[in-house]
Amino acid sequence: METELLATPPATHVVYIPFVILIGVVIGFVIGRKAGLKEGKAEYLGGGDDDDDLL
């Protein structure tokens, strides 16, 4: 029995592929935010000092 390259994927793909993508987005956001905080460029993410009160 040969497996077809373009066979219909199982129904579980509908669940776990978006889940894996979502986990990747969350991990990428967290790592990117930490890198932005380290470089001092993450003020818009709530990581910088709040200087709005001084104006």
N, C-alpha and C. Protein backbone atom coordinates (compact mmCIF):
# COMPACT_ATOMS: atom_id res chain seq x y z
N MET A 1 0.84 -1.17 0.00
CA MET A 1 0.00 0.00 0.00
C MET A 1 0.89 1.24 0.00
N GLU A 2 0.74 2.07 -1.02
CA GLU A 2 1.53 3.30 -1.10
C GLU A 2 0.80 4.44 -0.41
N THR A 3 1.58 5.30 0.18
CA THR A 3 0.98 6.49 0.78
C THR A 3 1.06 7.61 -0.25
N GLU A 4 0.00 8.35 -0.37
CA GLU A 4 -0.04 9.44 -1.33
C GLU A 4 0.53 10.71 -0.69
N LEU A 5 1.29 11.45 -1.46
CA LEU A 5 1.90 12.67 -0.97
C LEU A 5 0.85 13.72 -0.66
N LEU A 6 -0.18 13.78 -1.47
CA LEU A 6 -1.22 14.79 -1.30
C LEU A 6 -2.49 14.23 -0.68
N ALA A 7 -2.33 13.24 0.18
CA ALA A 7 -3.49 12.64 0.83
C ALA A 7 -4.10 13.63 1.82
N THR A 8 -5.35 13.45 2.11
CA THR A 8 -6.05 14.30 3.06
C THR A 8 -5.48 14.07 4.46
N PRO A 9 -5.07 15.15 5.13
CA PRO A 9 -4.50 14.97 6.48
C PRO A 9 -5.58 14.57 7.48
N PRO A 10 -5.18 13.95 8.55
CA PRO A 10 -6.17 13.56 9.57
C PRO A 10 -6.81 14.79 10.22
N ALA A 11 -7.94 14.60 10.83
CA ALA A 11 -8.69 15.70 11.43
C ALA A 11 -7.94 16.36 12.58
N THR A 12 -7.01 15.65 13.19
CA THR A 12 -6.26 16.22 14.31
C THR A 12 -5.39 17.40 13.86
N HIS A 13 -5.06 17.47 12.57
CA HIS A 13 -4.27 18.59 12.07
C HIS A 13 -5.01 19.91 12.28
N VAL A 14 -6.31 19.88 12.20
CA VAL A 14 -7.11 21.09 12.36
C VAL A 14 -6.95 21.65 13.76
N VAL A 15 -6.66 20.78 14.71
CA VAL A 15 -6.51 21.22 16.10
C VAL A 15 -5.07 21.57 16.41
N TYR A 16 -4.12 20.67 16.13
CA TYR A 16 -2.80 20.89 16.66
C TYR A 16 -1.93 21.82 15.83
N ILE A 17 -2.18 21.98 14.54
CA ILE A 17 -1.38 22.93 13.77
C ILE A 17 -1.65 24.37 14.22
N PRO A 18 -2.90 24.84 14.33
CA PRO A 18 -3.10 26.19 14.88
C PRO A 18 -2.59 26.34 16.31
N PHE A 19 -2.67 25.29 17.11
CA PHE A 19 -2.16 25.34 18.48
C PHE A 19 -0.66 25.55 18.49
N VAL A 20 0.06 24.83 17.64
CA VAL A 20 1.52 24.97 17.56
C VAL A 20 1.87 26.38 17.05
N ILE A 21 1.13 26.89 16.09
CA ILE A 21 1.38 28.25 15.59
C ILE A 21 1.15 29.27 16.70
N LEU A 22 0.07 29.11 17.46
CA LEU A 22 -0.22 30.02 18.56
C LEU A 22 0.87 29.99 19.61
N ILE A 23 1.35 28.82 19.96
CA ILE A 23 2.43 28.70 20.94
C ILE A 23 3.68 29.39 20.41
N GLY A 24 3.97 29.24 19.11
CA GLY A 24 5.12 29.91 18.51
C GLY A 24 5.00 31.43 18.56
N VAL A 25 3.80 31.95 18.33
CA VAL A 25 3.58 33.39 18.39
C VAL A 25 3.80 33.90 19.82
N VAL A 26 3.27 33.18 20.79
CA VAL A 26 3.42 33.59 22.19
C VAL A 26 4.90 33.56 22.60
N ILE A 27 5.60 32.49 22.26
CA ILE A 27 7.01 32.39 22.61
C ILE A 27 7.81 33.48 21.90
N GLY A 28 7.50 33.73 20.63
CA GLY A 28 8.19 34.79 19.90
C GLY A 28 7.94 36.15 20.50
N PHE A 29 6.72 36.42 20.95
CA PHE A 29 6.42 37.70 21.58
C PHE A 29 7.19 37.86 22.88
N VAL A 30 7.23 36.80 23.68
CA VAL A 30 7.93 36.87 24.97
C VAL A 30 9.42 37.08 24.75
N ILE A 31 10.02 36.33 23.84
CA ILE A 31 11.45 36.48 23.57
C ILE A 31 11.74 37.85 22.97
N GLY A 32 10.88 38.30 22.07
CA GLY A 32 11.06 39.62 21.47
C GLY A 32 10.91 40.73 22.47
N ARG A 33 9.99 40.58 23.40
CA ARG A 33 9.79 41.60 24.43
C ARG A 33 11.00 41.67 25.34
N LYS A 34 11.55 40.50 25.70
CA LYS A 34 12.74 40.49 26.56
C LYS A 34 13.92 41.15 25.83
N ALA A 35 14.05 40.88 24.55
CA ALA A 35 15.13 41.50 23.78
C ALA A 35 14.91 43.01 23.67
N GLY A 36 13.67 43.43 23.50
CA GLY A 36 13.36 44.85 23.43
C GLY A 36 13.63 45.56 24.74
N LEU A 37 13.31 44.90 25.85
CA LEU A 37 13.59 45.48 27.16
C LEU A 37 15.10 45.62 27.35
N LYS A 38 15.84 44.62 26.90
CA LYS A 38 17.30 44.64 27.05
C LYS A 38 17.90 45.78 26.24
N GLU A 39 17.35 46.04 25.06
CA GLU A 39 17.86 47.11 24.20
C GLU A 39 17.24 48.46 24.53
N GLY A 40 16.26 48.47 25.42
CA GLY A 40 15.63 49.72 25.80
C GLY A 40 14.65 50.26 24.77
N LYS A 41 14.10 49.38 23.97
CA LYS A 41 13.20 49.81 22.89
C LYS A 41 11.80 49.26 23.05
N ALA A 42 11.42 48.89 24.25
CA ALA A 42 10.12 48.24 24.44
C ALA A 42 9.17 49.12 25.25
N GLU A 43 9.29 50.43 25.14
CA GLU A 43 8.42 51.31 25.91
C GLU A 43 6.95 51.09 25.55
N TYR A 44 6.68 50.85 24.27
CA TYR A 44 5.30 50.68 23.83
C TYR A 44 4.69 49.38 24.34
N LEU A 45 5.51 48.47 24.85
CA LEU A 45 5.01 47.21 25.38
C LEU A 45 4.84 47.25 26.89
N GLY A 46 5.04 48.42 27.47
CA GLY A 46 4.91 48.53 28.92
C GLY A 46 6.16 48.18 29.67
N GLY A 47 7.28 48.04 28.98
CA GLY A 47 8.51 47.66 29.66
C GLY A 47 9.37 48.83 30.06
N GLY A 48 9.13 50.00 29.50
CA GLY A 48 9.97 51.15 29.81
C GLY A 48 9.41 51.97 30.95
N ASP A 49 10.18 52.98 31.35
CA ASP A 49 9.71 53.89 32.40
C ASP A 49 8.59 54.75 31.88
N ASP A 50 7.66 55.09 32.73
CA ASP A 50 6.53 55.91 32.34
C ASP A 50 6.89 57.38 32.55
N ASP A 51 7.28 58.09 31.49
CA ASP A 51 7.68 59.48 31.57
C ASP A 51 6.54 60.43 31.23
N ASP A 52 5.34 59.91 31.01
CA ASP A 52 4.22 60.77 30.62
C ASP A 52 3.83 61.74 31.74
N ASP A 53 4.08 61.36 33.00
CA ASP A 53 3.69 62.20 34.13
C ASP A 53 4.58 63.43 34.25
N LEU A 54 5.75 63.39 33.65
CA LEU A 54 6.69 64.50 33.80
C LEU A 54 6.41 65.67 32.90
N LEU A 55 5.58 65.49 31.88
CA LEU A 55 5.32 66.58 30.94
C LEU A 55 4.25 67.51 31.41
